[in-house]
C-alpha atoms as a PDB file:
ATOM      1  CA  MET A   1      95.780 159.151  25.290  1.00  0.00           C
ATOM      2  CA  THR A   2      96.959 156.779  27.482  1.00  0.00           C
ATOM      3  CA  ARG A   3      98.931 154.108  25.175  1.00  0.00           C
ATOM      4  CA  ILE A   4      99.705 150.283  25.491  1.00  0.00           C
ATOM      5  CA  ALA A   5     100.647 150.165  21.795  1.00  0.00           C
ATOM      6  CA  PRO A   6     104.661 149.938  21.456  1.00  0.00           C
ATOM      7  CA  ARG A   7     106.843 152.779  20.196  1.00  0.00           C
ATOM      8  CA  ALA A   8     108.518 152.467  17.048  1.00  0.00           C
ATOM      9  CA  GLY A   9     111.391 150.209  16.977  1.00  0.00           C
ATOM     10  CA  ASP A  10     109.461 148.104  19.390  1.00  0.00           C
ATOM     11  CA  LEU A  11     108.760 144.602  18.973  1.00  0.00           C
ATOM     12  CA  PRO A  12     104.739 144.090  18.321  1.00  0.00           C
ATOM     13  CA  VAL A  13     102.761 143.897  21.065  1.00  0.00           C
ATOM     14  CA  ARG A  14      99.967 141.755  19.901  1.00  0.00           C
ATOM     15  CA  SER A  15      96.182 143.534  21.287  1.00  0.00           C
ATOM     16  CA  LEU A  16      93.681 141.493  22.937  1.00  0.00           C
ATOM     17  CA  TRP A  17      91.143 142.138  19.931  1.00  0.00           C
ATOM     18  CA  GLN A  18      94.587 140.887  17.654  1.00  0.00           C
ATOM     19  CA  ARG A  19      95.049 137.605  19.681  1.00  0.00           C
ATOM     20  CA  ILE A  20      90.898 137.088  19.562  1.00  0.00           C
ATOM     21  CA  LYS A  21      91.365 137.266  15.774  1.00  0.00           C
ATOM     22  CA  ASP A  22      94.409 135.742  15.044  1.00  0.00           C
ATOM     23  CA  VAL A  23      95.229 133.612  17.730  1.00  0.00           C
ATOM     24  CA  ALA A  24      91.671 132.112  18.729  1.00  0.00           C
ATOM     25  CA  ARG A  25      90.478 132.420  15.131  1.00  0.00           C
ATOM     26  CA  LEU A  26      87.019 133.078  16.854  1.00  0.00           C
ATOM     27  CA  ASP A  27      83.972 133.237  15.138  1.00  0.00           C
ATOM     28  CA  VAL A  28      81.986 135.769  15.848  1.00  0.00           C
ATOM     29  CA  GLY A  29      79.193 134.857  14.155  1.00  0.00           C
ATOM     30  CA  ALA A  30      78.832 131.584  16.443  1.00  0.00           C
ATOM     31  CA  LEU A  31      77.806 133.810  19.395  1.00  0.00           C
ATOM     32  CA  VAL A  32      74.536 134.052  17.888  1.00  0.00           C
ATOM     33  CA  GLN A  33      73.870 130.551  17.489  1.00  0.00           C
ATOM     34  CA  PRO A  34      73.048 128.520  20.632  1.00  0.00           C
ATOM     35  CA  SER A  35      74.478 125.316  19.851  1.00  0.00           C
ATOM     36  CA  ARG A  36      77.799 127.193  19.298  1.00  0.00           C
ATOM     37  CA  ILE A  37      77.833 129.989  21.883  1.00  0.00           C
ATOM     38  CA  ALA A  38      79.452 127.869  24.686  1.00  0.00           C
ATOM     39  CA  GLY A  39      82.390 126.909  22.760  1.00  0.00           C
ATOM     40  CA  SER A  40      82.979 130.355  21.757  1.00  0.00           C
ATOM     41  CA  LEU A  41      82.728 131.595  25.110  1.00  0.00           C
ATOM     42  CA  GLU A  42      85.172 129.390  26.301  1.00  0.00           C
ATOM     43  CA  VAL A  43      87.444 130.574  24.009  1.00  0.00           C
ATOM     44  CA  LEU A  44      87.131 134.193  25.136  1.00  0.00           C
ATOM     45  CA  GLU A  45      87.380 133.311  28.643  1.00  0.00           C
ATOM     46  CA  MET A  46      91.068 131.542  28.048  1.00  0.00           C
ATOM     47  CA  LEU A  47      92.048 134.638  26.605  1.00  0.00           C
ATOM     48  CA  LEU A  48      91.103 136.727  28.992  1.00  0.00           C
ATOM     49  CA  LEU A  49      92.423 134.787  31.984  1.00  0.00           C
ATOM     50  CA  GLU A  50      95.865 134.955  29.357  1.00  0.00           C
ATOM     51  CA  ALA A  51      95.542 138.238  29.273  1.00  0.00           C
ATOM     52  CA  ASP A  52      95.573 138.487  33.245  1.00  0.00           C
ATOM     53  CA  PHE A  53      92.544 139.478  33.755  1.00  0.00           C
ATOM     54  CA  GLY A  54      92.074 137.192  36.341  1.00  0.00           C
ATOM     55  CA  VAL A  55      89.244 134.505  37.111  1.00  0.00           C
ATOM     56  CA  PRO A  56      86.405 136.842  38.357  1.00  0.00           C
ATOM     57  CA  VAL A  57      86.508 139.738  35.865  1.00  0.00           C
ATOM     58  CA  SER A  58      87.091 137.276  32.901  1.00  0.00           C
ATOM     59  CA  LEU A  59      84.118 135.701  33.801  1.00  0.00           C
ATOM     60  CA  ARG A  60      82.046 138.357  34.424  1.00  0.00           C
ATOM     61  CA  LEU A  61      83.145 140.086  31.007  1.00  0.00           C
ATOM     62  CA  VAL A  62      82.313 136.332  29.350  1.00  0.00           C
ATOM     63  CA  ALA A  63      78.867 136.611  30.924  1.00  0.00           C
ATOM     64  CA  ALA A  64      78.143 140.368  29.919  1.00  0.00           C
ATOM     65  CA  VAL A  65      78.918 139.803  26.396  1.00  0.00           C
ATOM     66  CA  GLU A  66      77.200 136.518  26.261  1.00  0.00           C
ATOM     67  CA  ALA A  67      73.917 138.234  27.711  1.00  0.00           C
ATOM     68  CA  ARG A  68      74.650 140.974  24.991  1.00  0.00           C
ATOM     69  CA  ALA A  69      74.613 137.736  22.179  1.00  0.00           C
ATOM     70  CA  LYS A  70      71.821 136.906  23.053  1.00  0.00           C
ATOM     71  CA  ARG A  71      70.027 140.043  22.876  1.00  0.00           C
ATOM     72  CA  GLY A  72      70.990 139.978  19.247  1.00  0.00           C
ATOM     73  CA  GLU A  73      73.636 143.303  19.914  1.00  0.00           C
ATOM     74  CA  VAL A  74      76.517 140.849  18.880  1.00  0.00           C
ATOM     75  CA  LYS A  75      76.173 140.275  14.814  1.00  0.00           C
ATOM     76  CA  SER A  76      79.850 140.734  13.623  1.00  0.00           C
ATOM     77  CA  ASP A  77      83.312 141.128  14.185  1.00  0.00           C
ATOM     78  CA  ASP A  78      82.850 145.148  15.299  1.00  0.00           C
ATOM     79  CA  GLU A  79      79.780 144.669  17.384  1.00  0.00           C
ATOM     80  CA  PHE A  80      81.566 141.961  19.039  1.00  0.00           C
ATOM     81  CA  ARG A  81      84.590 144.185  19.689  1.00  0.00           C
ATOM     82  CA  ALA A  82      82.983 147.007  20.980  1.00  0.00           C
ATOM     83  CA  ALA A  83      80.752 145.013  22.911  1.00  0.00           C
ATOM     84  CA  LEU A  84      83.821 143.653  24.824  1.00  0.00           C
ATOM     85  CA  GLY A  85      85.476 147.049  25.336  1.00  0.00           C
ATOM     86  CA  GLU A  86      82.492 149.237  26.469  1.00  0.00           C
ATOM     87  CA  GLU A  87      82.413 145.794  28.706  1.00  0.00           C
ATOM     88  CA  ILE A  88      86.086 146.579  29.747  1.00  0.00           C
ATOM     89  CA  GLU A  89      85.964 150.128  30.025  1.00  0.00           C
ATOM     90  CA  LYS A  90      82.681 149.937  32.196  1.00  0.00           C
ATOM     91  CA  ALA A  91      84.318 147.537  34.610  1.00  0.00           C
ATOM     92  CA  LEU A  92      87.437 149.824  35.269  1.00  0.00           C
ATOM     93  CA  ARG A  93      84.758 152.692  35.738  1.00  0.00           C
ATOM     94  CA  ALA A  94      83.661 150.698  38.892  1.00  0.00           C
ATOM     95  CA  GLY A  95      84.046 151.894  42.551  1.00  0.00           C
ATOM     96  CA  LYS A  96      86.835 153.682  43.182  1.00  0.00           C
ATOM     97  CA  SER A  97      87.816 155.057  39.996  1.00  0.00           C
ATOM     98  CA  ASP A  98      88.849 158.737  39.804  1.00  0.00           C
ATOM     99  CA  PRO A  99      92.325 158.595  38.321  1.00  0.00           C
ATOM    100  CA  ALA A 100      92.678 162.584  39.337  1.00  0.00           C
ATOM    101  CA  LEU A 101      95.343 163.308  42.454  1.00  0.00           C
ATOM    102  CA  GLN A 102      94.281 164.692  45.507  1.00  0.00           C
ATOM    103  CA  PHE A 103      95.980 167.840  46.721  1.00  0.00           C
ATOM    104  CA  ALA A 104      95.759 169.146  50.315  1.00  0.00           C
ATOM    105  CA  ALA A 105      94.055 172.219  51.206  1.00  0.00           C
ATOM    106  CA  ALA A 106      97.022 173.472  52.110  1.00  0.00           C
ATOM    107  CA  LYS A 107     100.857 173.108  51.076  1.00  0.00           C
ATOM    108  CA  PRO A 108     102.482 170.871  50.572  1.00  0.00           C
ATOM    109  CA  THR A 109     100.942 168.273  49.616  1.00  0.00           C
ATOM    110  CA  VAL A 110     102.500 164.763  50.605  1.00  0.00           C
ATOM    111  CA  ILE A 111     102.718 161.731  48.256  1.00  0.00           C
ATOM    112  CA  LEU A 112     104.225 158.773  49.542  1.00  0.00           C
ATOM    113  CA  VAL A 113     105.292 155.826  46.372  1.00  0.00           C
ATOM    114  CA  ALA A 114     105.695 152.551  47.578  1.00  0.00           C
ATOM    115  CA  GLY A 115     106.333 149.538  45.224  1.00  0.00           C
ATOM    116  CA  VAL A 116     108.849 145.957  44.917  1.00  0.00           C
ATOM    117  CA  ASN A 117     112.371 146.615  43.823  1.00  0.00           C
ATOM    118  CA  GLY A 118     112.168 146.764  39.790  1.00  0.00           C
ATOM    119  CA  SER A 119     108.465 147.891  39.445  1.00  0.00           C
ATOM    120  CA  GLY A 120     110.060 151.513  38.112  1.00  0.00           C
ATOM    121  CA  LYS A 121     109.524 153.211  41.528  1.00  0.00           C
ATOM    122  CA  THR A 122     112.102 155.672  41.484  1.00  0.00           C
ATOM    123  CA  THR A 123     111.555 155.852  37.581  1.00  0.00           C
ATOM    124  CA  THR A 124     108.360 156.794  38.683  1.00  0.00           C
ATOM    125  CA  ILE A 125     108.988 159.261  40.793  1.00  0.00           C
ATOM    126  CA  GLY A 126     110.870 161.043  38.377  1.00  0.00           C
ATOM    127  CA  LYS A 127     108.156 161.322  36.014  1.00  0.00           C
ATOM    128  CA  LEU A 128     105.750 162.229  38.491  1.00  0.00           C
ATOM    129  CA  ALA A 129     107.869 165.518  39.766  1.00  0.00           C
ATOM    130  CA  ALA A 130     108.230 166.090  35.630  1.00  0.00           C
ATOM    131  CA  ARG A 131     104.702 166.363  35.277  1.00  0.00           C
ATOM    132  CA  LEU A 132     104.033 168.395  38.058  1.00  0.00           C
ATOM    133  CA  GLY A 133     106.618 170.814  37.712  1.00  0.00           C
ATOM    134  CA  ALA A 134     105.232 171.072  34.211  1.00  0.00           C
ATOM    135  CA  GLU A 135     101.367 172.048  35.649  1.00  0.00           C
ATOM    136  CA  GLY A 136     103.445 175.177  37.820  1.00  0.00           C
ATOM    137  CA  LYS A 137     103.386 173.446  40.870  1.00  0.00           C
ATOM    138  CA  SER A 138     106.978 173.199  42.982  1.00  0.00           C
ATOM    139  CA  VAL A 139     108.474 169.734  43.818  1.00  0.00           C
ATOM    140  CA  LEU A 140     110.436 168.224  46.660  1.00  0.00           C
ATOM    141  CA  VAL A 141     111.837 164.457  46.455  1.00  0.00           C
ATOM    142  CA  ALA A 142     112.527 163.155  49.440  1.00  0.00           C
ATOM    143  CA  ALA A 143     115.167 159.564  48.680  1.00  0.00           C
ATOM    144  CA  GLY A 144     113.847 157.606  51.920  1.00  0.00           C
ATOM    145  CA  ASP A 145     114.927 154.264  49.737  1.00  0.00           C
ATOM    146  CA  THR A 146     117.951 154.238  51.630  1.00  0.00           C
ATOM    147  CA  PHE A 147     118.069 150.173  51.382  1.00  0.00           C
ATOM    148  CA  ARG A 148     118.872 150.104  47.691  1.00  0.00           C
ATOM    149  CA  ALA A 149     122.467 151.220  46.807  1.00  0.00           C
ATOM    150  CA  GLY A 150     122.034 153.379  44.143  1.00  0.00           C
ATOM    151  CA  ALA A 151     118.524 154.599  44.793  1.00  0.00           C
ATOM    152  CA  ILE A 152     119.582 157.973  46.282  1.00  0.00           C
ATOM    153  CA  ALA A 153     121.843 158.958  43.360  1.00  0.00           C
ATOM    154  CA  GLN A 154     119.172 158.180  40.864  1.00  0.00           C
ATOM    155  CA  LEU A 155     116.434 160.106  42.627  1.00  0.00           C
ATOM    156  CA  GLU A 156     118.948 163.001  42.887  1.00  0.00           C
ATOM    157  CA  GLN A 157     119.397 162.827  39.016  1.00  0.00           C
ATOM    158  CA  TRP A 158     115.942 162.754  38.754  1.00  0.00           C
ATOM    159  CA  ALA A 159     115.630 165.873  40.805  1.00  0.00           C
ATOM    160  CA  ALA A 160     118.303 167.441  38.894  1.00  0.00           C
ATOM    161  CA  ARG A 161     116.828 166.778  35.768  1.00  0.00           C
ATOM    162  CA  THR A 162     113.203 168.301  36.476  1.00  0.00           C
ATOM    163  CA  GLY A 163     113.898 170.760  38.870  1.00  0.00           C
ATOM    164  CA  ALA A 164     112.707 169.830  41.271  1.00  0.00           C
ATOM    165  CA  GLN A 165     113.999 170.279  45.437  1.00  0.00           C
ATOM    166  CA  PHE A 166     115.913 167.232  46.670  1.00  0.00           C
ATOM    167  CA  VAL A 167     116.333 166.097  50.176  1.00  0.00           C
ATOM    168  CA  GLY A 168     118.522 162.888  50.707  1.00  0.00           C
ATOM    169  CA  ALA A 169     120.124 160.595  53.065  1.00  0.00           C
ATOM    170  CA  SER A 170     123.249 158.802  53.438  1.00  0.00           C
ATOM    171  CA  ALA A 171     122.575 154.800  52.865  1.00  0.00           C
ATOM    172  CA  GLY A 172     121.599 152.604  55.640  1.00  0.00           C
ATOM    173  CA  GLY A 173     119.746 155.746  57.155  1.00  0.00           C
ATOM    174  CA  ASP A 174     116.149 156.217  58.405  1.00  0.00           C
ATOM    175  CA  PRO A 175     113.768 156.034  56.244  1.00  0.00           C
ATOM    176  CA  ALA A 176     111.478 157.745  58.530  1.00  0.00           C
ATOM    177  CA  ALA A 177     113.899 160.557  59.656  1.00  0.00           C
ATOM    178  CA  VAL A 178     114.430 161.476  55.628  1.00  0.00           C
ATOM    179  CA  ALA A 179     110.546 161.773  54.919  1.00  0.00           C
ATOM    180  CA  TYR A 180     110.515 164.326  58.584  1.00  0.00           C
ATOM    181  CA  ALA A 181     113.238 166.038  57.309  1.00  0.00           C
ATOM    182  CA  ALA A 182     111.817 166.615  54.029  1.00  0.00           C
ATOM    183  CA  LEU A 183     108.333 167.376  55.200  1.00  0.00           C
ATOM    184  CA  ASP A 184     110.476 169.766  57.535  1.00  0.00           C
ATOM    185  CA  ALA A 185     112.414 171.303  54.289  1.00  0.00           C
ATOM    186  CA  ALA A 186     109.304 171.763  52.557  1.00  0.00           C
ATOM    187  CA  VAL A 187     107.261 173.909  55.063  1.00  0.00           C
ATOM    188  CA  ALA A 188     109.702 176.013  55.319  1.00  0.00           C
ATOM    189  CA  ARG A 189     110.180 177.012  51.901  1.00  0.00           C
ATOM    190  CA  GLY A 190     106.619 176.819  50.380  1.00  0.00           C
ATOM    191  CA  VAL A 191     106.623 173.825  48.469  1.00  0.00           C
ATOM    192  CA  ASP A 192     103.753 172.803  46.548  1.00  0.00           C
ATOM    193  CA  VAL A 193     104.249 169.353  46.734  1.00  0.00           C
ATOM    194  CA  VAL A 194     106.664 166.351  48.428  1.00  0.00           C
ATOM    195  CA  ILE A 195     106.916 163.017  46.848  1.00  0.00           C
ATOM    196  CA  VAL A 196     108.660 160.623  49.527  1.00  0.00           C
ATOM    197  CA  ASP A 197     110.232 157.509  48.039  1.00  0.00           C
ATOM    198  CA  THR A 198     110.249 154.141  50.353  1.00  0.00           C
ATOM    199  CA  ALA A 199     112.713 151.277  50.274  1.00  0.00           C
ATOM    200  CA  GLY A 200     111.516 148.765  47.320  1.00  0.00           C
ATOM    201  CA  ARG A 201     110.530 145.776  49.097  1.00  0.00           C
ATOM    202  CA  LEU A 202     109.036 142.513  48.435  1.00  0.00           C
ATOM    203  CA  HIS A 203     105.275 142.231  49.567  1.00  0.00           C
ATOM    204  CA  THR A 204     106.586 138.954  51.815  1.00  0.00           C
ATOM    205  CA  GLN A 205     109.289 140.548  53.912  1.00  0.00           C
ATOM    206  CA  ARG A 206     107.414 141.607  56.707  1.00  0.00           C
ATOM    207  CA  ASP A 207     110.328 143.753  58.712  1.00  0.00           C
ATOM    208  CA  LEU A 208     110.583 146.323  55.463  1.00  0.00           C
ATOM    209  CA  MET A 209     106.476 146.713  55.530  1.00  0.00           C
ATOM    210  CA  THR A 210     106.640 147.478  59.247  1.00  0.00           C
ATOM    211  CA  GLU A 211     109.157 149.555  58.056  1.00  0.00           C
ATOM    212  CA  LEU A 212     107.070 151.302  55.523  1.00  0.00           C
ATOM    213  CA  LYS A 213     104.102 151.363  58.003  1.00  0.00           C
ATOM    214  CA  LYS A 214     106.419 153.797  60.479  1.00  0.00           C
ATOM    215  CA  VAL A 215     107.191 155.960  57.284  1.00  0.00           C
ATOM    216  CA  ALA A 216     103.571 156.787  56.799  1.00  0.00           C
ATOM    217  CA  THR A 217     103.156 157.171  60.728  1.00  0.00           C
ATOM    218  CA  VAL A 218     106.021 159.619  61.154  1.00  0.00           C
ATOM    219  CA  VAL A 219     104.846 161.642  57.870  1.00  0.00           C
ATOM    220  CA  ALA A 220     100.930 161.849  59.727  1.00  0.00           C
ATOM    221  CA  LYS A 221     102.546 162.735  62.851  1.00  0.00           C
ATOM    222  CA  ARG A 222     104.729 165.735  61.123  1.00  0.00           C
ATOM    223  CA  LEU A 223     101.664 166.921  59.065  1.00  0.00           C
ATOM    224  CA  PRO A 224      97.927 165.770  60.381  1.00  0.00           C
ATOM    225  CA  GLY A 225      95.868 164.502  56.984  1.00  0.00           C
ATOM    226  CA  ALA A 226      99.155 163.055  55.145  1.00  0.00           C
ATOM    227  CA  PRO A 227     100.273 161.448  53.525  1.00  0.00           C
ATOM    228  CA  HIS A 228      97.569 162.959  51.321  1.00  0.00           C
ATOM    229  CA  GLU A 229      98.339 160.386  48.405  1.00  0.00           C
ATOM    230  CA  THR A 230      99.771 156.726  48.679  1.00  0.00           C
ATOM    231  CA  LEU A 231     100.686 155.554  45.532  1.00  0.00           C
ATOM    232  CA  LEU A 232     101.471 152.218  45.199  1.00  0.00           C
ATOM    233  CA  VAL A 233     103.857 150.754  41.600  1.00  0.00           C
ATOM    234  CA  LEU A 234     103.152 147.758  40.018  1.00  0.00           C
ATOM    235  CA  ASP A 235     104.903 146.317  37.135  1.00  0.00           C
ATOM    236  CA  GLY A 236     102.430 145.555  34.399  1.00  0.00           C
ATOM    237  CA  THR A 237     104.260 142.388  33.276  1.00  0.00           C
ATOM    238  CA  ILE A 238     104.290 140.372  36.233  1.00  0.00           C
ATOM    239  CA  GLY A 239     100.739 138.613  35.957  1.00  0.00           C
ATOM    240  CA  GLN A 240      98.597 138.064  38.878  1.00  0.00           C
ATOM    241  CA  ASN A 241     101.650 138.733  41.380  1.00  0.00           C
ATOM    242  CA  ALA A 242     100.697 141.797  41.309  1.00  0.00           C
ATOM    243  CA  VAL A 243      96.884 141.236  42.805  1.00  0.00           C
ATOM    244  CA  ALA A 244      99.342 139.457  45.483  1.00  0.00           C
ATOM    245  CA  GLN A 245     101.514 142.355  45.797  1.00  0.00           C
ATOM    246  CA  ALA A 246      98.667 144.890  45.974  1.00  0.00           C
ATOM    247  CA  ARG A 247      96.808 143.248  48.605  1.00  0.00           C
ATOM    248  CA  ALA A 248      99.634 142.895  50.766  1.00  0.00           C
ATOM    249  CA  PHE A 249     100.762 146.647  50.277  1.00  0.00           C
ATOM    250  CA  ALA A 250      97.256 147.619  51.029  1.00  0.00           C
ATOM    251  CA  GLU A 251      96.933 146.149  54.189  1.00  0.00           C
ATOM    252  CA  SER A 252     100.227 147.856  55.886  1.00  0.00           C
ATOM    253  CA  VAL A 253      99.259 151.467  54.128  1.00  0.00           C
ATOM    254  CA  PRO A 254      95.879 152.728  52.840  1.00  0.00           C
ATOM    255  CA  VAL A 255      96.741 152.865  49.009  1.00  0.00           C
ATOM    256  CA  THR A 256      94.848 155.674  47.300  1.00  0.00           C
ATOM    257  CA  GLY A 257      96.067 154.770  43.719  1.00  0.00           C
ATOM    258  CA  LEU A 258      97.512 152.529  41.483  1.00  0.00           C
ATOM    259  CA  VAL A 259     100.322 153.548  38.916  1.00  0.00           C
ATOM    260  CA  VAL A 260     100.707 150.523  36.362  1.00  0.00           C
ATOM    261  CA  THR A 261     104.651 150.524  34.938  1.00  0.00           C
ATOM    262  CA  LYS A 262     105.812 148.865  31.445  1.00  0.00           C
ATOM    263  CA  VAL A 263     102.496 148.375  29.745  1.00  0.00           C
ATOM    264  CA  ASP A 264     103.824 149.308  26.632  1.00  0.00           C
ATOM    265  CA  GLY A 265     105.887 146.044  26.468  1.00  0.00           C
ATOM    266  CA  THR A 266     103.047 143.682  26.943  1.00  0.00           C
ATOM    267  CA  ALA A 267     100.270 142.796  25.935  1.00  0.00           C
ATOM    268  CA  ARG A 268      98.675 141.097  29.036  1.00  0.00           C
ATOM    269  CA  GLY A 269      97.224 144.497  29.701  1.00  0.00           C
ATOM    270  CA  GLY A 270      94.207 142.425  32.114  1.00  0.00           C
ATOM    271  CA  ILE A 271      96.392 143.151  34.930  1.00  0.00           C
ATOM    272  CA  VAL A 272      95.110 147.026  35.516  1.00  0.00           C
ATOM    273  CA  LEU A 273      91.634 145.797  35.778  1.00  0.00           C
ATOM    274  CA  ALA A 274      92.182 142.803  38.055  1.00  0.00           C
ATOM    275  CA  VAL A 275      94.070 145.052  40.162  1.00  0.00           C
ATOM    276  CA  HIS A 276      91.569 147.697  40.554  1.00  0.00           C
ATOM    277  CA  GLU A 277      89.309 145.193  40.768  1.00  0.00           C
ATOM    278  CA  ALA A 278      90.762 143.507  43.977  1.00  0.00           C
ATOM    279  CA  LEU A 279      91.566 146.513  46.017  1.00  0.00           C
ATOM    280  CA  ASP A 280      89.043 149.018  44.738  1.00  0.00           C
ATOM    281  CA  VAL A 281      91.270 151.846  43.987  1.00  0.00           C
ATOM    282  CA  PRO A 282      92.168 154.187  40.838  1.00  0.00           C
ATOM    283  CA  VAL A 283      94.523 153.457  38.531  1.00  0.00           C
ATOM    284  CA  LYS A 284      96.439 156.867  38.822  1.00  0.00           C
ATOM    285  CA  PHE A 285      98.876 156.753  35.545  1.00  0.00           C
ATOM    286  CA  VAL A 286     100.056 154.137  33.312  1.00  0.00           C
ATOM    287  CA  GLY A 287     104.001 154.446  32.594  1.00  0.00           C
ATOM    288  CA  VAL A 288     104.781 153.716  28.729  1.00  0.00           C
ATOM    289  CA  GLY A 289     108.359 154.577  28.371  1.00  0.00           C
ATOM    290  CA  GLU A 290     111.735 155.316  29.826  1.00  0.00           C
ATOM    291  CA  GLN A 291     111.478 159.406  29.146  1.00  0.00           C
ATOM    292  CA  ALA A 292     110.035 161.886  31.391  1.00  0.00           C
ATOM    293  CA  GLY A 293     106.915 162.752  30.071  1.00  0.00           C
ATOM    294  CA  ASP A 294     106.302 158.889  29.445  1.00  0.00           C
ATOM    295  CA  LEU A 295     103.621 158.674  32.590  1.00  0.00           C
ATOM    296  CA  GLU A 296     100.057 159.511  31.629  1.00  0.00           C
ATOM    297  CA  PRO A 297      97.232 160.013  33.627  1.00  0.00           C
ATOM    298  CA  PHE A 298      94.596 156.803  33.054  1.00  0.00           C
ATOM    299  CA  ASP A 299      92.174 156.792  30.926  1.00  0.00           C
ATOM    300  CA  ALA A 300      89.508 154.379  31.045  1.00  0.00           C
ATOM    301  CA  ALA A 301      88.259 154.761  27.670  1.00  0.00           C
ATOM    302  CA  ALA A 302      91.723 154.640  25.961  1.00  0.00           C
ATOM    303  CA  TYR A 303      92.962 152.022  27.887  1.00  0.00           C
ATOM    304  CA  ALA A 304      90.205 149.607  26.973  1.00  0.00           C
ATOM    305  CA  ALA A 305      90.039 150.859  23.460  1.00  0.00           C
ATOM    306  CA  GLY A 306      93.928 150.266  23.415  1.00  0.00           C
ATOM    307  CA  LEU A 307      92.918 146.961  24.252  1.00  0.00           C
ATOM    308  CA  MET A 308      90.539 145.950  21.505  1.00  0.00           C
ATOM    309  CA  ARG A 309      92.086 148.189  18.825  1.00  0.00           C
ATOM    310  CA  ALA A 310      92.322 146.541  15.410  1.00  0.00           C
ATOM    311  CA  GLY A 311      95.706 146.731  13.934  1.00  0.00           C
END
């Protein structure tokens, strides 16, 4: 089940529902009183915006709750919490929302992983390698982030830790050449899944975004149909900037799935829904910690329930 609560010993994280109850002191009873409903819904809209749902999503959620209230479906705290949670889950399931990884008909499956520096991209690759290995798949990771000091060594450590094979490179080398070599090795060895790291880059760095396109192009030429997944890793704590990042990456490569990290350390979990809607791309995984097992398949119902947990 997807967690958004912190582990024991961490600082407490306030759920969206707790903020509604404890910070805003929203009078749920007012929702069924025509003379007071507008003010109460304004409070809800403000809290949704503060939780990084973004303007379009926040307005739609408020409108949905208002419609339910006018139909007499919201008369208590529990009914309000259930209504909002159901609308959030419905929005997460809209459009392209299948969290399952897509595997090639014939191995290897190639997964390209992109994201900005500090998003948790390399760690996510390690966790994904561990998960796939536990499912019985052979994995090869390719250290295509040749720009960041230490990235190659970090990924090699993850490979050793998870039992994955590893194809490295020299610092400053050609990332596309690394990806090509990794596919050659995977085909020769009969590997099930290749995970290709790419250089962490700001979405405003056009030269590096062009390099990312080159990697994707080279992969496709070496293995028609690849990459079979292009996962974009986003830091769940950075707010609406994640939407701008996601759009910029999607303009450069066809993003097929999102991985949102650090959701165990933020009460602003609405960004998951905001990015999903902005790109119409499924959330595949959420990162909830630093250990190898702390990458969980995204579950819309569990995530919505977590946002609306009572205590």
